[in-house]
């Protein structure tokens, strides 16, 4: 998985490419811990994310909880496969998905 970070002031955007699974979720978790400290809002661009596993969902839920105490977290450009995982697991009701 490739993570591309961009930042404008205290607004952080992470673009994910590839698979977010058991192998790659620790990488995202480490990146999120680092960037969420100074961030007021977090946007995650999933336009190139091909797959997400339960390990990836756990990382997203943790980030959502942290960012809900700040300016919030938004997920954008979700493909059909990832969208279906969000729907089936109920994450579509929890996360702010655009």
PDB file of N, CA and C in Angstrom:
ATOM      1  N   UNK A   1       0.836  -1.171   0.000  1.00  0.00           N
ATOM      2  CA  UNK A   1       0.000   0.000   0.000  1.00  0.00           C
ATOM      3  C   UNK A   1       0.888   1.244   0.000  1.00  0.00           C
ATOM      4  N   UNK A   2       0.442   2.252  -0.710  1.00  0.00           N
ATOM      5  CA  UNK A   2       1.135   3.527  -0.756  1.00  0.00           C
ATOM      6  C   UNK A   2       0.259   4.579  -0.092  1.00  0.00           C
ATOM      7  N   UNK A   3       0.867   5.382   0.781  1.00  0.00           N
ATOM      8  CA  UNK A   3       0.155   6.472   1.453  1.00  0.00           C
ATOM      9  C   UNK A   3       0.796   7.782   1.015  1.00  0.00           C
ATOM     10  N   UNK A   4      -0.025   8.670   0.469  1.00  0.00           N
ATOM     11  CA  UNK A   4       0.452   9.982   0.064  1.00  0.00           C
ATOM     12  C   UNK A   4      -0.206  11.023   0.957  1.00  0.00           C
ATOM     13  N   UNK A   5       0.624  11.814   1.618  1.00  0.00           N
ATOM     14  CA  UNK A   5       0.119  12.808   2.568  1.00  0.00           C
ATOM     15  C   UNK A   5       0.262  14.206   1.991  1.00  0.00           C
ATOM     16  N   UNK A   6      -0.783  15.011   2.164  1.00  0.00           N
ATOM     17  CA  UNK A   6      -0.703  16.432   1.844  1.00  0.00           C
ATOM     18  C   UNK A   6      -1.352  17.194   2.996  1.00  0.00           C
ATOM     19  N   UNK A   7      -0.891  18.422   3.192  1.00  0.00           N
ATOM     20  CA  UNK A   7      -1.393  19.187   4.320  1.00  0.00           C
ATOM     21  C   UNK A   7      -1.517  20.654   3.950  1.00  0.00           C
ATOM     22  N   UNK A   8      -2.658  21.236   4.315  1.00  0.00           N
ATOM     23  CA  UNK A   8      -2.879  22.670   4.168  1.00  0.00           C
ATOM     24  C   UNK A   8      -3.256  23.188   5.544  1.00  0.00           C
ATOM     25  N   UNK A   9      -2.322  23.856   6.197  1.00  0.00           N
ATOM     26  CA  UNK A   9      -2.564  24.304   7.559  1.00  0.00           C
ATOM     27  C   UNK A   9      -2.738  23.107   8.480  1.00  0.00           C
ATOM     28  N   UNK A  10      -3.902  23.054   9.134  1.00  0.00           N
ATOM     29  CA  UNK A  10      -4.178  21.942  10.047  1.00  0.00           C
ATOM     30  C   UNK A  10      -5.132  20.928   9.430  1.00  0.00           C
ATOM     31  N   UNK A  11      -5.296  20.989   8.104  1.00  0.00           N
ATOM     32  CA  UNK A  11      -6.125  20.031   7.369  1.00  0.00           C
ATOM     33  C   UNK A  11      -5.216  19.042   6.649  1.00  0.00           C
ATOM     34  N   UNK A  12      -5.329  17.785   7.016  1.00  0.00           N
ATOM     35  CA  UNK A  12      -4.469  16.739   6.470  1.00  0.00           C
ATOM     36  C   UNK A  12      -5.283  15.847   5.539  1.00  0.00           C
ATOM     37  N   UNK A  13      -4.699  15.506   4.396  1.00  0.00           N
ATOM     38  CA  UNK A  13      -5.308  14.558   3.468  1.00  0.00           C
ATOM     39  C   UNK A  13      -4.345  13.395   3.262  1.00  0.00           C
ATOM     40  N   UNK A  14      -4.874  12.180   3.414  1.00  0.00           N
ATOM     41  CA  UNK A  14      -4.108  10.972   3.131  1.00  0.00           C
ATOM     42  C   UNK A  14      -4.772  10.242   1.975  1.00  0.00           C
ATOM     43  N   UNK A  15      -4.020   9.988   0.923  1.00  0.00           N
ATOM     44  CA  UNK A  15      -4.519   9.213  -0.214  1.00  0.00           C
ATOM     45  C   UNK A  15      -3.912   7.817  -0.124  1.00  0.00           C
ATOM     46  N   UNK A  16      -4.770   6.816  -0.135  1.00  0.00           N
ATOM     47  CA  UNK A  16      -4.319   5.428  -0.025  1.00  0.00           C
ATOM     48  C   UNK A  16      -4.427   4.733  -1.379  1.00  0.00           C
ATOM     49  N   UNK A  17      -3.412   3.948  -1.690  1.00  0.00           N
ATOM     50  CA  UNK A  17      -3.401   3.195  -2.947  1.00  0.00           C
ATOM     51  C   UNK A  17      -3.002   1.754  -2.647  1.00  0.00           C
ATOM     52  N   UNK A  18      -3.810   0.812  -3.148  1.00  0.00           N
ATOM     53  CA  UNK A  18      -3.500  -0.603  -2.946  1.00  0.00           C
ATOM     54  C   UNK A  18      -4.490  -1.268  -2.019  1.00  0.00           C
ATOM     55  N   UNK A  19      -3.961  -2.093  -1.097  1.00  0.00           N
ATOM     56  CA  UNK A  19      -4.797  -2.885  -0.182  1.00  0.00           C
ATOM     57  C   UNK A  19      -4.530  -2.468   1.260  1.00  0.00           C
ATOM     58  N   UNK A  20      -5.604  -2.253   2.007  1.00  0.00           N
ATOM     59  CA  UNK A  20      -5.501  -1.965   3.438  1.00  0.00           C
ATOM     60  C   UNK A  20      -5.928  -3.231   4.165  1.00  0.00           C
ATOM     61  N   UNK A  21      -4.943  -3.995   4.620  1.00  0.00           N
ATOM     62  CA  UNK A  21      -5.223  -5.289   5.229  1.00  0.00           C
ATOM     63  C   UNK A  21      -4.326  -5.508   6.446  1.00  0.00           C
ATOM     64  N   UNK A  22      -4.241  -6.725   6.907  1.00  0.00           N
ATOM     65  CA  UNK A  22      -3.465  -7.062   8.108  1.00  0.00           C
ATOM     66  C   UNK A  22      -1.999  -6.675   7.960  1.00  0.00           C
ATOM     67  N   UNK A  23      -1.462  -6.814   6.768  1.00  0.00           N
ATOM     68  CA  UNK A  23      -0.054  -6.515   6.530  1.00  0.00           C
ATOM     69  C   UNK A  23       0.198  -5.008   6.495  1.00  0.00           C
ATOM     70  N   UNK A  24      -0.704  -4.245   5.877  1.00  0.00           N
ATOM     71  CA  UNK A  24      -0.463  -2.817   5.663  1.00  0.00           C
ATOM     72  C   UNK A  24      -1.104  -1.898   6.698  1.00  0.00           C
ATOM     73  N   UNK A  25      -2.047  -2.407   7.486  1.00  0.00           N
ATOM     74  CA  UNK A  25      -2.731  -1.532   8.444  1.00  0.00           C
ATOM     75  C   UNK A  25      -1.792  -0.926   9.505  1.00  0.00           C
ATOM     76  N   UNK A  26      -0.741  -1.626   9.968  1.00  0.00           N
ATOM     77  CA  UNK A  26       0.173  -0.969  10.912  1.00  0.00           C
ATOM     78  C   UNK A  26       0.862   0.265  10.315  1.00  0.00           C
ATOM     79  N   UNK A  27       1.130   0.222   9.018  1.00  0.00           N
ATOM     80  CA  UNK A  27       1.741   1.362   8.334  1.00  0.00           C
ATOM     81  C   UNK A  27       0.796   2.568   8.376  1.00  0.00           C
ATOM     82  N   UNK A  28      -0.489   2.338   8.091  1.00  0.00           N
ATOM     83  CA  UNK A  28      -1.466   3.428   8.134  1.00  0.00           C
ATOM     84  C   UNK A  28      -1.641   3.918   9.564  1.00  0.00           C
ATOM     85  N   UNK A  29      -1.688   3.001  10.504  1.00  0.00           N
ATOM     86  CA  UNK A  29      -1.861   3.381  11.904  1.00  0.00           C
ATOM     87  C   UNK A  29      -0.725   4.297  12.370  1.00  0.00           C
ATOM     88  N   UNK A  30       0.499   3.974  12.001  1.00  0.00           N
ATOM     89  CA  UNK A  30       1.653   4.800  12.365  1.00  0.00           C
ATOM     90  C   UNK A  30       1.565   6.174  11.722  1.00  0.00           C
ATOM     91  N   UNK A  31       1.179   6.224  10.459  1.00  0.00           N
ATOM     92  CA  UNK A  31       1.045   7.504   9.749  1.00  0.00           C
ATOM     93  C   UNK A  31      -0.060   8.354  10.376  1.00  0.00           C
ATOM     94  N   UNK A  32      -1.165   7.725  10.731  1.00  0.00           N
ATOM     95  CA  UNK A  32      -2.276   8.453  11.338  1.00  0.00           C
ATOM     96  C   UNK A  32      -1.893   9.019  12.698  1.00  0.00           C
ATOM     97  N   UNK A  33      -1.222   8.243  13.511  1.00  0.00           N
ATOM     98  CA  UNK A  33      -0.800   8.739  14.830  1.00  0.00           C
ATOM     99  C   UNK A  33       0.052   9.989  14.692  1.00  0.00           C
ATOM    100  N   UNK A  34       0.932   9.973  13.717  1.00  0.00           N
ATOM    101  CA  UNK A  34       1.828  11.102  13.511  1.00  0.00           C
ATOM    102  C   UNK A  34       1.068  12.332  13.007  1.00  0.00           C
ATOM    103  N   UNK A  35       0.205  12.156  12.028  1.00  0.00           N
ATOM    104  CA  UNK A  35      -0.435  13.317  11.404  1.00  0.00           C
ATOM    105  C   UNK A  35      -1.647  13.834  12.181  1.00  0.00           C
ATOM    106  N   UNK A  36      -2.287  13.005  12.999  1.00  0.00           N
ATOM    107  CA  UNK A  36      -3.478  13.451  13.722  1.00  0.00           C
ATOM    108  C   UNK A  36      -3.144  14.367  14.891  1.00  0.00           C
ATOM    109  N   UNK A  37      -1.925  14.304  15.398  1.00  0.00           N
ATOM    110  CA  UNK A  37      -1.554  15.127  16.543  1.00  0.00           C
ATOM    111  C   UNK A  37      -1.786  16.609  16.286  1.00  0.00           C
ATOM    112  N   UNK A  38      -1.345  17.098  15.150  1.00  0.00           N
ATOM    113  CA  UNK A  38      -1.469  18.521  14.850  1.00  0.00           C
ATOM    114  C   UNK A  38      -2.620  18.863  13.934  1.00  0.00           C
ATOM    115  N   UNK A  39      -3.437  17.889  13.585  1.00  0.00           N
ATOM    116  CA  UNK A  39      -4.505  18.114  12.604  1.00  0.00           C
ATOM    117  C   UNK A  39      -5.828  18.486  13.273  1.00  0.00           C
ATOM    118  N   UNK A  40      -6.550  19.399  12.636  1.00  0.00           N
ATOM    119  CA  UNK A  40      -7.916  19.727  13.056  1.00  0.00           C
ATOM    120  C   UNK A  40      -8.934  18.917  12.264  1.00  0.00           C
ATOM    121  N   UNK A  41      -8.571  18.564  11.023  1.00  0.00           N
ATOM    122  CA  UNK A  41      -9.453  17.729  10.211  1.00  0.00           C
ATOM    123  C   UNK A  41      -8.615  16.780   9.370  1.00  0.00           C
ATOM    124  N   UNK A  42      -9.229  15.639   9.051  1.00  0.00           N
ATOM    125  CA  UNK A  42      -8.545  14.598   8.288  1.00  0.00           C
ATOM    126  C   UNK A  42      -9.449  14.149   7.157  1.00  0.00           C
ATOM    127  N   UNK A  43      -8.901  14.142   5.953  1.00  0.00           N
ATOM    128  CA  UNK A  43      -9.606  13.625   4.786  1.00  0.00           C
ATOM    129  C   UNK A  43      -8.817  12.438   4.265  1.00  0.00           C
ATOM    130  N   UNK A  44      -9.531  11.355   3.987  1.00  0.00           N
ATOM    131  CA  UNK A  44      -8.880  10.175   3.434  1.00  0.00           C
ATOM    132  C   UNK A  44      -9.447   9.937   2.037  1.00  0.00           C
ATOM    133  N   UNK A  45      -8.571   9.893   1.059  1.00  0.00           N
ATOM    134  CA  UNK A  45      -8.949   9.690  -0.339  1.00  0.00           C
ATOM    135  C   UNK A  45      -8.750   8.216  -0.677  1.00  0.00           C
ATOM    136  N   UNK A  46      -9.861   7.536  -0.927  1.00  0.00           N
ATOM    137  CA  UNK A  46      -9.823   6.101  -1.220  1.00  0.00           C
ATOM    138  C   UNK A  46      -9.983   5.813  -2.718  1.00  0.00           C
ATOM    139  N   UNK A  47      -9.754   6.793  -3.582  1.00  0.00           N
ATOM    140  CA  UNK A  47      -9.981   6.587  -5.017  1.00  0.00           C
ATOM    141  C   UNK A  47      -9.131   5.462  -5.599  1.00  0.00           C
ATOM    142  N   UNK A  48      -7.976   5.176  -4.981  1.00  0.00           N
ATOM    143  CA  UNK A  48      -7.098   4.114  -5.483  1.00  0.00           C
ATOM    144  C   UNK A  48      -6.975   2.953  -4.497  1.00  0.00           C
ATOM    145  N   UNK A  49      -7.844   2.936  -3.470  1.00  0.00           N
ATOM    146  CA  UNK A  49      -7.832   1.827  -2.522  1.00  0.00           C
ATOM    147  C   UNK A  49      -8.644   0.681  -3.113  1.00  0.00           C
ATOM    148  N   UNK A  50      -8.027  -0.481  -3.247  1.00  0.00           N
ATOM    149  CA  UNK A  50      -8.656  -1.624  -3.911  1.00  0.00           C
ATOM    150  C   UNK A  50      -9.424  -2.537  -2.954  1.00  0.00           C
ATOM    151  N   UNK A  51      -8.994  -2.569  -1.677  1.00  0.00           N
ATOM    152  CA  UNK A  51      -9.539  -3.561  -0.747  1.00  0.00           C
ATOM    153  C   UNK A  51      -9.312  -3.080   0.679  1.00  0.00           C
ATOM    154  N   UNK A  52     -10.235  -3.441   1.569  1.00  0.00           N
ATOM    155  CA  UNK A  52     -10.056  -3.156   2.994  1.00  0.00           C
ATOM    156  C   UNK A  52     -10.502  -4.373   3.801  1.00  0.00           C
ATOM    157  N   UNK A  53      -9.691  -4.748   4.791  1.00  0.00           N
ATOM    158  CA  UNK A  53     -10.009  -5.897   5.652  1.00  0.00           C
ATOM    159  C   UNK A  53     -10.467  -5.393   7.017  1.00  0.00           C
ATOM    160  N   UNK A  54     -10.781  -6.328   7.905  1.00  0.00           N
ATOM    161  CA  UNK A  54     -11.200  -5.952   9.256  1.00  0.00           C
ATOM    162  C   UNK A  54     -10.084  -5.216  10.004  1.00  0.00           C
ATOM    163  N   UNK A  55      -8.849  -5.537   9.718  1.00  0.00           N
ATOM    164  CA  UNK A  55      -7.727  -4.832  10.346  1.00  0.00           C
ATOM    165  C   UNK A  55      -7.709  -3.368   9.911  1.00  0.00           C
ATOM    166  N   UNK A  56      -8.005  -3.136   8.658  1.00  0.00           N
ATOM    167  CA  UNK A  56      -8.097  -1.764   8.157  1.00  0.00           C
ATOM    168  C   UNK A  56      -9.273  -1.021   8.754  1.00  0.00           C
ATOM    169  N   UNK A  57     -10.393  -1.713   8.925  1.00  0.00           N
ATOM    170  CA  UNK A  57     -11.575  -1.101   9.539  1.00  0.00           C
ATOM    171  C   UNK A  57     -11.273  -0.682  10.974  1.00  0.00           C
ATOM    172  N   UNK A  58     -10.524  -1.494  11.695  1.00  0.00           N
ATOM    173  CA  UNK A  58     -10.164  -1.174  13.073  1.00  0.00           C
ATOM    174  C   UNK A  58      -9.358   0.123  13.129  1.00  0.00           C
ATOM    175  N   UNK A  59      -8.414   0.289  12.204  1.00  0.00           N
ATOM    176  CA  UNK A  59      -7.592   1.500  12.156  1.00  0.00           C
ATOM    177  C   UNK A  59      -8.470   2.717  11.843  1.00  0.00           C
ATOM    178  N   UNK A  60      -9.401   2.559  10.922  1.00  0.00           N
ATOM    179  CA  UNK A  60     -10.302   3.666  10.579  1.00  0.00           C
ATOM    180  C   UNK A  60     -11.187   4.055  11.754  1.00  0.00           C
ATOM    181  N   UNK A  61     -11.690   3.071  12.479  1.00  0.00           N
ATOM    182  CA  UNK A  61     -12.547   3.356  13.626  1.00  0.00           C
ATOM    183  C   UNK A  61     -11.778   4.113  14.701  1.00  0.00           C
ATOM    184  N   UNK A  62     -10.559   3.706  14.949  1.00  0.00           N
ATOM    185  CA  UNK A  62      -9.715   4.390  15.927  1.00  0.00           C
ATOM    186  C   UNK A  62      -9.451   5.837  15.511  1.00  0.00           C
ATOM    187  N   UNK A  63      -9.140   6.038  14.235  1.00  0.00           N
ATOM    188  CA  UNK A  63      -8.899   7.395  13.722  1.00  0.00           C
ATOM    189  C   UNK A  63     -10.169   8.233  13.815  1.00  0.00           C
ATOM    190  N   UNK A  64     -11.306   7.634  13.509  1.00  0.00           N
ATOM    191  CA  UNK A  64     -12.591   8.333  13.587  1.00  0.00           C
ATOM    192  C   UNK A  64     -12.852   8.811  15.015  1.00  0.00           C
ATOM    193  N   UNK A  65     -12.606   7.956  15.984  1.00  0.00           N
ATOM    194  CA  UNK A  65     -12.818   8.327  17.386  1.00  0.00           C
ATOM    195  C   UNK A  65     -11.924   9.493  17.785  1.00  0.00           C
ATOM    196  N   UNK A  66     -10.663   9.438  17.390  1.00  0.00           N
ATOM    197  CA  UNK A  66      -9.728  10.520  17.709  1.00  0.00           C
ATOM    198  C   UNK A  66     -10.143  11.817  17.038  1.00  0.00           C
ATOM    199  N   UNK A  67     -10.464  11.752  15.752  1.00  0.00           N
ATOM    200  CA  UNK A  67     -10.774  12.969  15.000  1.00  0.00           C
ATOM    201  C   UNK A  67     -12.160  13.528  15.320  1.00  0.00           C
ATOM    202  N   UNK A  68     -13.054  12.728  15.869  1.00  0.00           N
ATOM    203  CA  UNK A  68     -14.383  13.238  16.220  1.00  0.00           C
ATOM    204  C   UNK A  68     -14.299  14.232  17.373  1.00  0.00           C
ATOM    205  N   UNK A  69     -13.223  14.175  18.145  1.00  0.00           N
ATOM    206  CA  UNK A  69     -13.001  15.145  19.213  1.00  0.00           C
ATOM    207  C   UNK A  69     -12.369  16.423  18.677  1.00  0.00           C
ATOM    208  N   UNK A  70     -12.001  16.411  17.409  1.00  0.00           N
ATOM    209  CA  UNK A  70     -11.387  17.576  16.764  1.00  0.00           C
ATOM    210  C   UNK A  70     -12.353  18.064  15.683  1.00  0.00           C
ATOM    211  N   UNK A  71     -11.859  18.272  14.479  1.00  0.00           N
ATOM    212  CA  UNK A  71     -12.695  18.775  13.395  1.00  0.00           C
ATOM    213  C   UNK A  71     -13.387  17.706  12.577  1.00  0.00           C
ATOM    214  N   UNK A  72     -13.048  16.437  12.811  1.00  0.00           N
ATOM    215  CA  UNK A  72     -13.706  15.354  12.097  1.00  0.00           C
ATOM    216  C   UNK A  72     -12.843  14.696  11.037  1.00  0.00           C
ATOM    217  N   UNK A  73     -13.361  13.605  10.525  1.00  0.00           N
ATOM    218  CA  UNK A  73     -12.679  12.812   9.507  1.00  0.00           C
ATOM    219  C   UNK A  73     -13.667  12.508   8.387  1.00  0.00           C
ATOM    220  N   UNK A  74     -13.214  12.688   7.154  1.00  0.00           N
ATOM    221  CA  UNK A  74     -14.037  12.432   5.977  1.00  0.00           C
ATOM    222  C   UNK A  74     -13.325  11.432   5.082  1.00  0.00           C
ATOM    223  N   UNK A  75     -14.096  10.504   4.524  1.00  0.00           N
ATOM    224  CA  UNK A  75     -13.561   9.545   3.551  1.00  0.00           C
ATOM    225  C   UNK A  75     -14.202   9.846   2.205  1.00  0.00           C
ATOM    226  N   UNK A  76     -13.372   9.982   1.185  1.00  0.00           N
ATOM    227  CA  UNK A  76     -13.861  10.345  -0.145  1.00  0.00           C
ATOM    228  C   UNK A  76     -13.484   9.296  -1.186  1.00  0.00           C
ATOM    229  N   UNK A  77     -14.251   9.302  -2.272  1.00  0.00           N
ATOM    230  CA  UNK A  77     -13.948   8.509  -3.476  1.00  0.00           C
ATOM    231  C   UNK A  77     -13.839   7.012  -3.199  1.00  0.00           C
ATOM    232  N   UNK A  78     -14.851   6.459  -2.550  1.00  0.00           N
ATOM    233  CA  UNK A  78     -14.855   5.045  -2.194  1.00  0.00           C
ATOM    234  C   UNK A  78     -15.395   4.225  -3.368  1.00  0.00           C
ATOM    235  N   UNK A  79     -14.666   3.178  -3.758  1.00  0.00           N
ATOM    236  CA  UNK A  79     -15.129   2.329  -4.858  1.00  0.00           C
ATOM    237  C   UNK A  79     -16.205   1.354  -4.375  1.00  0.00           C
ATOM    238  N   UNK A  80     -16.779   0.587  -5.293  1.00  0.00           N
ATOM    239  CA  UNK A  80     -17.881  -0.325  -4.975  1.00  0.00           C
ATOM    240  C   UNK A  80     -17.488  -1.415  -3.977  1.00  0.00           C
ATOM    241  N   UNK A  81     -16.300  -1.962  -4.115  1.00  0.00           N
ATOM    242  CA  UNK A  81     -15.856  -3.057  -3.241  1.00  0.00           C
ATOM    243  C   UNK A  81     -15.733  -2.569  -1.802  1.00  0.00           C
ATOM    244  N   UNK A  82     -15.049  -1.450  -1.610  1.00  0.00           N
ATOM    245  CA  UNK A  82     -14.867  -0.899  -0.270  1.00  0.00           C
ATOM    246  C   UNK A  82     -16.199  -0.407   0.283  1.00  0.00           C
ATOM    247  N   UNK A  83     -17.017   0.187  -0.561  1.00  0.00           N
ATOM    248  CA  UNK A  83     -18.337   0.667  -0.152  1.00  0.00           C
ATOM    249  C   UNK A  83     -19.206  -0.477   0.358  1.00  0.00           C
ATOM    250  N   UNK A  84     -19.128  -1.609  -0.312  1.00  0.00           N
ATOM    251  CA  UNK A  84     -19.897  -2.774   0.118  1.00  0.00           C
ATOM    252  C   UNK A  84     -19.438  -3.261   1.492  1.00  0.00           C
ATOM    253  N   UNK A  85     -18.124  -3.249   1.741  1.00  0.00           N
ATOM    254  CA  UNK A  85     -17.605  -3.634   3.059  1.00  0.00           C
ATOM    255  C   UNK A  85     -18.136  -2.671   4.119  1.00  0.00           C
ATOM    256  N   UNK A  86     -18.129  -1.376   3.818  1.00  0.00           N
ATOM    257  CA  UNK A  86     -18.658  -0.384   4.763  1.00  0.00           C
ATOM    258  C   UNK A  86     -20.145  -0.624   5.038  1.00  0.00           C
ATOM    259  N   UNK A  87     -20.904  -0.949   3.997  1.00  0.00           N
ATOM    260  CA  UNK A  87     -22.341  -1.193   4.158  1.00  0.00           C
ATOM    261  C   UNK A  87     -22.614  -2.434   5.004  1.00  0.00           C
ATOM    262  N   UNK A  88     -21.944  -3.525   4.683  1.00  0.00           N
ATOM    263  CA  UNK A  88     -22.177  -4.802   5.368  1.00  0.00           C
ATOM    264  C   UNK A  88     -21.773  -4.729   6.842  1.00  0.00           C
ATOM    265  N   UNK A  89     -20.699  -4.007   7.145  1.00  0.00           N
ATOM    266  CA  UNK A  89     -20.197  -3.938   8.517  1.00  0.00           C
ATOM    267  C   UNK A  89     -20.868  -2.844   9.355  1.00  0.00           C
ATOM    268  N   UNK A  90     -21.643  -1.984   8.707  1.00  0.00           N
ATOM    269  CA  UNK A  90     -22.272  -0.882   9.428  1.00  0.00           C
ATOM    270  C   UNK A  90     -21.408   0.355   9.518  1.00  0.00           C
ATOM    271  N   UNK A  91     -20.213   0.309   8.969  1.00  0.00           N
ATOM    272  CA  UNK A  91     -19.311   1.468   9.010  1.00  0.00           C
ATOM    273  C   UNK A  91     -19.870   2.626   8.184  1.00  0.00           C
ATOM    274  N   UNK A  92     -20.708   2.337   7.220  1.00  0.00           N
ATOM    275  CA  UNK A  92     -21.315   3.389   6.407  1.00  0.00           C
ATOM    276  C   UNK A  92     -22.162   4.309   7.278  1.00  0.00           C
ATOM    277  N   UNK A  93     -22.690   3.792   8.371  1.00  0.00           N
ATOM    278  CA  UNK A  93     -23.509   4.580   9.294  1.00  0.00           C
ATOM    279  C   UNK A  93     -22.661   5.346  10.309  1.00  0.00           C
ATOM    280  N   UNK A  94     -21.436   4.924  10.500  1.00  0.00           N
ATOM    281  CA  UNK A  94     -20.553   5.537  11.506  1.00  0.00           C
ATOM    282  C   UNK A  94     -19.663   6.604  10.902  1.00  0.00           C
ATOM    283  N   UNK A  95     -19.045   6.292   9.754  1.00  0.00           N
ATOM    284  CA  UNK A  95     -18.068   7.171   9.136  1.00  0.00           C
ATOM    285  C   UNK A  95     -18.740   8.218   8.249  1.00  0.00           C
ATOM    286  N   UNK A  96     -18.061   9.347   8.075  1.00  0.00           N
ATOM    287  CA  UNK A  96     -18.515  10.391   7.156  1.00  0.00           C
ATOM    288  C   UNK A  96     -17.919  10.081   5.779  1.00  0.00           C
ATOM    289  N   UNK A  97     -18.733   9.461   4.926  1.00  0.00           N
ATOM    290  CA  UNK A  97     -18.270   9.039   3.600  1.00  0.00           C
ATOM    291  C   UNK A  97     -18.948   9.900   2.547  1.00  0.00           C
ATOM    292  N   UNK A  98     -18.129  10.498   1.700  1.00  0.00           N
ATOM    293  CA  UNK A  98     -18.666  11.365   0.634  1.00  0.00           C
ATOM    294  C   UNK A  98     -18.436  10.735  -0.719  1.00  0.00           C
TER     295      UNK A  98
END
